[in-house]
Protein backbone atom coordinates (compact mmCIF):
# COMPACT_ATOMS: atom_id res chain seq x y z
CA MET A 1 -22.29 61.78 -0.17
CA PRO A 2 -21.71 58.02 0.09
CA ASP A 3 -23.60 56.10 2.78
CA PRO A 4 -20.99 55.30 5.50
CA ASN A 5 -22.69 51.97 6.21
CA VAL A 6 -22.39 50.68 2.63
CA PRO A 7 -19.14 49.30 1.20
CA PRO A 8 -18.65 50.72 -2.33
CA LEU A 9 -17.76 48.64 -5.37
CA PRO A 10 -14.32 49.39 -6.92
CA PRO A 11 -14.31 50.72 -10.46
CA ASP A 12 -12.66 47.63 -11.97
CA VAL A 13 -15.05 45.04 -10.50
CA SER A 14 -16.29 42.29 -12.83
CA VAL A 15 -19.91 41.18 -13.19
CA ARG A 16 -19.02 37.82 -11.57
CA GLN A 17 -17.34 39.50 -8.63
CA ALA A 18 -20.25 41.88 -8.12
CA SER A 19 -22.68 38.93 -8.23
CA ALA A 20 -20.69 37.07 -5.58
CA TYR A 21 -20.58 40.19 -3.42
CA PHE A 22 -24.35 40.69 -3.56
CA LYS A 23 -24.97 37.01 -2.79
CA ALA A 24 -22.72 37.23 0.30
CA LEU A 25 -24.70 40.23 1.49
CA LEU A 26 -28.04 38.50 1.00
CA ARG A 27 -26.87 35.54 3.06
CA GLY A 28 -25.51 37.52 5.99
CA ASP A 29 -27.10 40.94 6.32
CA PRO A 30 -30.75 41.65 7.18
CA GLU A 31 -30.53 45.00 5.42
CA ALA A 32 -29.00 43.48 2.28
CA LEU A 33 -31.55 44.76 -0.23
CA ALA A 34 -31.14 48.35 0.93
CA ILE A 35 -27.36 47.99 0.85
CA ILE A 36 -27.42 46.57 -2.67
CA LYS A 37 -29.62 49.40 -3.92
CA THR A 38 -27.34 52.01 -2.38
CA THR A 39 -24.20 50.30 -3.69
CA VAL A 40 -25.55 50.19 -7.24
CA ARG A 41 -26.59 53.87 -7.03
CA GLU A 42 -23.21 54.95 -5.74
CA THR A 43 -21.35 52.84 -8.29
CA TRP A 44 -23.42 54.43 -11.10
CA ASP A 45 -22.64 57.91 -9.71
CA GLY A 46 -18.98 56.94 -9.74
CA TRP A 47 -19.15 55.99 -13.42
CA PHE A 48 -21.34 58.93 -14.41
CA PRO A 49 -20.84 61.65 -11.75
CA PRO A 50 -23.69 64.23 -11.60
CA GLY A 51 -21.16 67.05 -11.31
CA GLU A 52 -17.46 67.63 -11.23
CA LYS A 53 -15.77 64.72 -9.55
CA ARG A 54 -13.63 65.81 -6.55
CA GLN A 55 -10.20 64.27 -5.94
CA MET A 56 -9.85 63.02 -2.34
CA LYS A 57 -6.60 64.35 -0.90
CA LEU A 58 -4.28 62.20 1.21
CA PRO A 59 -5.22 62.17 4.92
CA LEU A 60 -3.32 64.46 7.26
CA THR A 61 -1.89 63.49 10.68
CA LEU A 62 -2.19 66.41 13.06
CA PRO A 63 -2.55 67.11 16.78
CA GLY A 64 -6.26 66.85 17.40
CA ILE A 65 -9.31 65.49 19.18
CA CYS A 66 -12.12 63.67 17.40
CA TRP A 67 -15.36 61.93 18.39
CA PRO A 68 -18.22 60.01 16.74
CA LEU A 69 -21.43 62.01 16.54
CA HIS A 70 -23.53 59.02 17.66
CA ALA A 71 -22.08 56.40 20.03
CA THR A 72 -22.89 54.72 23.35
CA VAL A 73 -19.26 54.17 24.32
CA GLY A 74 -16.23 56.35 23.70
CA HIS A 75 -12.46 56.47 23.54
CA ILE A 76 -11.07 59.63 25.17
CA ALA A 77 -8.08 58.17 27.11
CA VAL A 78 -5.59 58.26 24.23
CA THR A 79 -1.95 57.26 23.88
CA THR A 80 -1.17 59.83 21.21
CA PRO A 81 -2.27 63.44 20.75
CA GLN A 82 -2.57 63.02 16.96
CA ILE A 83 -5.40 62.02 14.67
CA THR A 84 -5.36 61.15 10.97
CA GLY A 85 -8.06 62.13 8.51
CA HIS A 86 -9.56 64.72 6.21
CA PHE A 87 -10.40 68.07 7.76
CA ASN A 88 -12.05 71.13 6.23
CA ALA A 89 -11.21 73.60 9.01
CA GLY A 90 -9.69 73.88 12.46
CA ALA A 91 -12.79 72.45 14.10
CA GLY A 92 -16.18 71.14 12.99
CA LEU A 93 -18.53 68.24 12.63
CA ASP A 94 -17.51 67.11 9.15
CA ALA A 95 -14.18 65.23 9.49
CA ILE A 96 -13.51 61.86 7.86
CA VAL A 97 -11.11 60.18 10.30
CA VAL A 98 -9.08 57.06 9.41
CA CYS A 99 -10.01 53.84 11.17
CA ASP A 100 -7.77 52.64 14.03
CA LEU A 101 -8.39 48.88 14.15
CA VAL A 102 -7.05 46.52 16.79
CA PRO A 103 -7.61 42.76 17.38
CA ALA A 104 -10.67 42.16 19.54
CA GLY A 105 -11.01 38.39 19.90
CA LYS A 106 -13.56 36.41 17.88
CA TYR A 107 -17.25 36.32 17.07
CA ARG A 108 -19.34 33.45 18.38
CA ASN A 109 -18.88 31.62 15.07
CA GLY A 110 -15.09 31.69 15.55
CA ALA A 111 -14.43 34.41 12.97
CA ALA A 112 -11.71 36.93 13.81
CA ARG A 113 -12.95 40.26 15.12
CA GLN A 114 -11.36 43.69 15.32
CA TRP A 115 -12.38 46.88 17.11
CA CYS A 116 -12.27 50.35 15.53
CA ARG A 117 -11.21 52.85 18.17
CA THR A 118 -12.08 55.73 15.86
CA HIS A 119 -15.69 54.86 15.18
CA GLN A 120 -16.44 52.59 18.18
CA VAL A 121 -17.66 49.57 16.20
CA TYR A 122 -16.54 46.01 15.50
CA TRP A 123 -15.09 44.84 12.19
CA GLY A 124 -15.22 41.32 10.76
CA THR A 125 -18.75 40.67 9.47
CA GLN A 126 -19.40 39.20 6.03
CA ALA A 127 -20.11 42.70 4.72
CA ASP A 128 -16.76 43.90 6.13
CA LEU A 129 -14.90 41.01 4.51
CA ALA A 130 -16.64 41.66 1.19
CA ASP A 131 -15.60 45.29 1.33
CA GLN A 132 -12.05 44.28 2.15
CA SER A 133 -11.95 41.88 -0.82
CA PHE A 134 -13.15 44.51 -3.26
CA SER A 135 -11.48 47.62 -1.99
CA GLY A 136 -8.27 46.09 -0.69
CA LYS A 137 -8.71 48.10 2.51
CA THR A 138 -9.52 47.01 6.03
CA ARG A 139 -11.95 49.59 7.32
CA CYS A 140 -15.06 49.52 9.52
CA LYS A 141 -18.59 50.11 8.23
CA HIS A 142 -18.53 53.69 9.58
CA HIS A 143 -15.26 54.63 7.90
CA ALA A 144 -16.99 57.42 5.92
CA SER A 145 -19.08 58.75 8.81
CA LEU A 146 -18.68 62.42 9.63
CA MET A 147 -17.05 63.10 13.00
CA GLY A 148 -16.59 66.00 15.32
CA TYR A 149 -13.08 67.31 15.71
CA VAL A 150 -10.76 70.08 16.96
CA LEU A 151 -7.27 70.45 15.61
CA TYR A 152 -4.39 71.81 17.74
CA PRO A 153 -6.53 71.74 20.89
CA GLU A 154 -5.57 73.21 24.25
CA VAL A 155 -3.74 70.54 26.29
CA PHE A 156 -3.98 71.55 29.95
CA ASP A 157 -1.40 70.29 32.45
CA PRO A 158 -2.83 70.64 36.00
CA SER A 159 0.58 69.87 37.52
CA VAL A 160 2.00 73.25 36.48
CA HIS A 161 -1.05 75.42 37.18
CA HIS A 162 -3.05 76.42 40.25
CA GLY A 163 -6.42 77.99 40.90
CA ALA A 164 -7.85 76.25 37.82
CA SER A 165 -11.52 76.43 36.90
CA LEU A 166 -13.22 74.30 34.21
CA ALA A 167 -16.90 74.72 33.41
CA GLN A 168 -19.38 74.94 30.58
CA GLU A 169 -20.26 78.40 29.35
CA THR A 170 -23.83 79.58 29.72
CA GLU A 171 -25.55 82.41 27.91
CA HIS A 172 -26.55 84.97 30.56
CA ALA A 173 -30.27 85.52 30.99
CA GLU A 174 -32.35 87.70 33.30
CA HIS A 175 -32.82 84.71 35.55
CA ALA A 176 -30.16 82.09 36.13
CA GLU A 177 -32.61 79.25 35.57
CA ASP A 178 -33.27 80.60 32.05
CA ALA A 179 -29.59 80.63 31.06
CA GLU A 180 -28.72 78.30 28.19
CA ASN A 181 -25.65 76.14 27.96
CA THR A 182 -23.55 77.01 24.91
CA GLY A 183 -21.58 73.75 25.06
CA LEU A 184 -18.26 75.59 25.07
CA LEU A 185 -15.74 74.64 27.75
CA VAL A 186 -14.27 77.56 29.67
CA LEU A 187 -10.84 76.99 31.20
CA ARG A 188 -9.04 79.46 33.46
CA ALA A 189 -5.83 78.80 35.40
CA ARG A 190 -2.71 80.53 36.69
CA PRO A 191 0.72 79.14 35.77
CA ASP A 192 2.98 78.23 38.64
CA ASN A 193 5.82 80.18 36.99
CA GLY A 194 3.89 83.44 37.37
CA GLY A 195 3.04 83.80 33.72
CA ALA A 196 -0.12 85.33 32.25
CA LEU A 197 -3.53 83.97 33.18
CA LEU A 198 -4.54 81.03 31.00
CA ALA A 199 -8.05 81.70 29.63
CA ARG A 200 -9.54 79.51 26.94
CA LYS A 201 -12.93 78.77 25.40
CA ALA A 202 -13.23 75.66 23.23
CA ILE A 203 -15.66 73.01 22.12
CA ALA A 204 -13.14 70.36 23.28
CA LEU A 205 -9.79 70.28 25.04
CA ALA A 206 -7.43 67.74 26.64
CA ILE A 207 -6.05 67.09 30.14
CA ASP A 208 -2.38 66.11 30.11
CA CYS A 209 -2.03 62.95 32.24
CA ARG A 210 1.70 62.37 31.98
CA ASN A 211 2.46 64.30 35.18
CA LEU A 212 -0.48 62.80 37.14
CA PRO A 213 1.06 59.47 38.23
CA GLY A 214 -1.30 56.74 39.37
CA LEU A 215 -4.42 58.41 38.03
CA PHE A 216 -4.56 56.49 34.75
CA HIS A 217 -2.54 53.75 33.05
CA ALA A 218 1.03 54.82 32.23
CA ASP A 219 0.55 54.67 28.41
CA ILE A 220 -2.28 57.21 28.47
CA ALA A 221 -1.00 60.61 27.33
CA GLN A 222 -4.16 62.66 27.76
CA ILE A 223 -7.89 62.58 28.46
CA ASN A 224 -9.84 64.27 25.70
CA LEU A 225 -12.79 66.28 27.02
CA THR A 226 -15.14 65.86 24.03
CA PRO A 227 -18.72 67.21 23.93
CA PRO A 228 -20.26 63.69 24.28
CA ALA A 229 -17.96 62.83 27.22
CA VAL A 230 -18.72 66.10 29.07
CA GLN A 231 -22.42 65.79 28.33
CA GLY A 232 -22.49 62.18 29.60
CA TYR A 233 -20.71 63.16 32.79
CA LEU A 234 -23.02 66.07 33.51
CA GLN A 235 -26.16 64.04 32.69
CA ALA A 236 -25.14 61.28 35.14
CA ARG A 237 -24.25 63.81 37.85
CA ARG A 238 -27.47 65.75 37.49
CA SER A 239 -29.62 62.60 37.56
CA GLY A 240 -27.94 61.36 40.72
CA ALA A 241 -26.80 58.15 39.08
CA PRO A 242 -23.91 56.30 40.74
CA LEU A 243 -20.96 57.81 38.92
CA GLY A 244 -17.41 56.50 38.89
CA CYS A 245 -14.71 55.19 36.62
CA ILE A 246 -13.91 51.52 35.96
CA ASP A 247 -10.85 50.33 34.05
CA CYS A 248 -10.80 47.55 31.45
CA PRO A 249 -9.09 44.45 32.91
CA ARG A 250 -7.42 43.73 29.55
CA CYS A 251 -5.98 47.09 28.41
CA HIS A 252 -6.35 49.00 31.70
CA HIS A 253 -7.97 51.97 29.95
CA PRO A 254 -11.00 53.64 31.56
CA HIS A 255 -14.52 52.94 30.31
CA LEU A 256 -16.66 55.78 28.99
CA ASP A 257 -20.47 55.45 28.96
CA LEU A 258 -22.37 57.72 26.59
CA ASP A 259 -25.92 58.44 25.50
CA GLU A 260 -28.42 56.06 27.17
CA PHE A 261 -25.60 54.25 28.96
CA ALA A 262 -24.72 57.58 30.71
CA GLN A 263 -28.28 57.83 32.02
CA GLU A 264 -28.99 54.26 33.12
CA PRO A 265 -26.60 52.67 35.69
CA HIS A 266 -25.42 49.19 34.67
CA GLN A 267 -22.83 46.56 35.60
CA ARG A 268 -21.57 45.43 32.20
CA HIS A 269 -19.27 47.93 30.45
CA TYR A 270 -17.72 48.06 27.00
CA CYS A 271 -14.14 49.25 26.42
CA GLY A 272 -13.69 51.92 23.76
CA HIS A 273 -9.94 51.27 23.59
CA CYS A 274 -9.74 47.51 22.93
CA GLY A 275 -13.35 46.44 22.37
CA HIS A 276 -13.54 44.14 25.41
CA SER A 277 -17.23 43.75 26.17
CA ALA A 278 -17.37 41.85 29.44
CA THR A 279 -16.11 44.12 32.19
CA HIS A 280 -18.42 44.03 35.19
CA SER A 281 -18.50 46.59 38.01
CA LYS A 282 -19.40 45.45 41.50
CA GLU A 283 -22.48 47.66 41.51
CA GLU A 284 -24.57 49.26 38.83
CA MET A 285 -22.94 52.56 37.83
CA VAL A 286 -22.09 54.99 35.04
CA SER A 287 -18.38 55.03 34.11
CA ASN A 288 -16.66 58.18 32.93
CA PRO A 289 -12.95 59.22 33.21
CA LEU A 290 -14.12 62.72 34.11
CA ALA A 291 -15.38 61.31 37.40
CA ARG A 292 -11.81 60.24 38.29
CA LEU A 293 -10.52 63.67 37.31
CA ALA A 294 -13.20 65.17 39.59
CA GLU A 295 -11.84 63.08 42.47
CA TYR A 296 -8.36 64.34 41.68
CA ALA A 297 -9.69 67.93 41.74
CA LEU A 298 -11.18 67.37 45.20
CA ARG A 299 -7.82 66.08 46.48
CA THR A 300 -5.87 68.94 44.98
CA GLN A 301 -8.04 72.00 45.37
CA GLN A 302 -5.01 74.23 45.26
CA ARG A 303 -4.57 73.00 41.67
CA ILE A 304 -8.22 72.76 40.52
CA GLU A 305 -10.70 74.96 42.41
CA ARG A 306 -13.70 74.18 40.24
CA TRP A 307 -14.52 71.08 38.16
CA PHE A 308 -17.78 71.74 36.37
């Protein structure tokens, strides 16, 4: 499998072009030698494949939720329920999802910068520009990274249900303290129209925000409850860290702190929607949209009886 951090050479590249590409890397990337070795190896494999060469199908656009497997910020407040990429099943950890790049100001040297909402990384370095020149595509350095995903997820609308309960499933043990968390989300709710009990188990699901006015910015369609987002929320809550939700002053989307940022309160927050990196909270805190949904649950206990 190609290294997601290494831009490949196209099959019709000339020796002069390849030389210029490698020189650009050596001038601007501290890991240039490793990148060059990997690029040469992958180019050779492209010319002389070790086995039968697979044809990459066109990406599909489907209702879905996706998330990077390793990130310190996240993008779960989305404006569309669809994702575009290559998927091997209905859910998994092996999706290749297409980059969603948006303008994100400039680097300190004045060069234009973009933000990839899909992979939560900036685009615009010398290596990115070299890849763009050779491939003809504008894509971030993690464009080939495997991602977690769920297609056709449950989209839960709290405004038309009552008595809802959302929690993580635990494997029952003889003693409660020995029970293990399976990571699955367990949703139960009763429809207002008297229909059958809604009961779902899923690795990820979405909360429909369109009928929750004032909770999030008007262009946000849903909040995706991904494994990293849920884990970050629960980690912060269990540690007693100041937990809240701060919105980006530029795009008005909520910030999501993950990994070490979900464990260590801080004042400077990065936006996973637009890439703005200078939002400051009044006090040190951990930001997570699930905290705002928790506040909503407390205000509307007839709707949501249990929130984790």
